[in-house]
Each structure stands twice: as C-alpha cells, then as structure tokens.
Amino acid sequence: VEPNKPVRYSYTRQARGSWSLNWLVPIGHEKPSNIKVFIHELNAGNQLSHMSPIYTIEMGDELLAKLARDATF
C-alpha cells in the first residue's frame, strides 16, 4: 500500500434489505486524527438505492490502531 493513500474498508449486513458501511482511512507515516464514513443502502437486486452524506469522525491513535489491526481487506 502506498504511503498516505486512502484505503477503503467495508462491512455488509444482510437482513431486510442490505446496507454497507464504508470508511476511508489515510495510512502511512502520518497518522490521521479522523476517518470519513458513509453508508450505502442496497435494494433487493443489490443495486445502490441511496448513499448517505459523508461524515467525519474524530479518532485517537489508539482507536485507529485497533481498527487497522481488526480490519480485513
């Protein structure tokens, strides 16, 4: 992975309808103080039906390190 290049992680939950939670975390030599989060809602055909605004969540180094450790690509 290139330094300071955003990396996209996603989580999809199956239930009545589907949605995915997506976040962008810049990685590299300088640690970020926040992440960007947005939600995709999918219809029954698994096509994007709605995208939320992009939210910024302030985070400390400890939480960012935990997210990176627990993430899957």
Foldseek 3Di string as FASTA:
>chain_A
DDAQDWDKAKDWDDDQWIKIKIKTAGHHDDGDQWIKIKMFTADPVRHTDDIGDIDIDGHDPVVVVVCVVPTDD
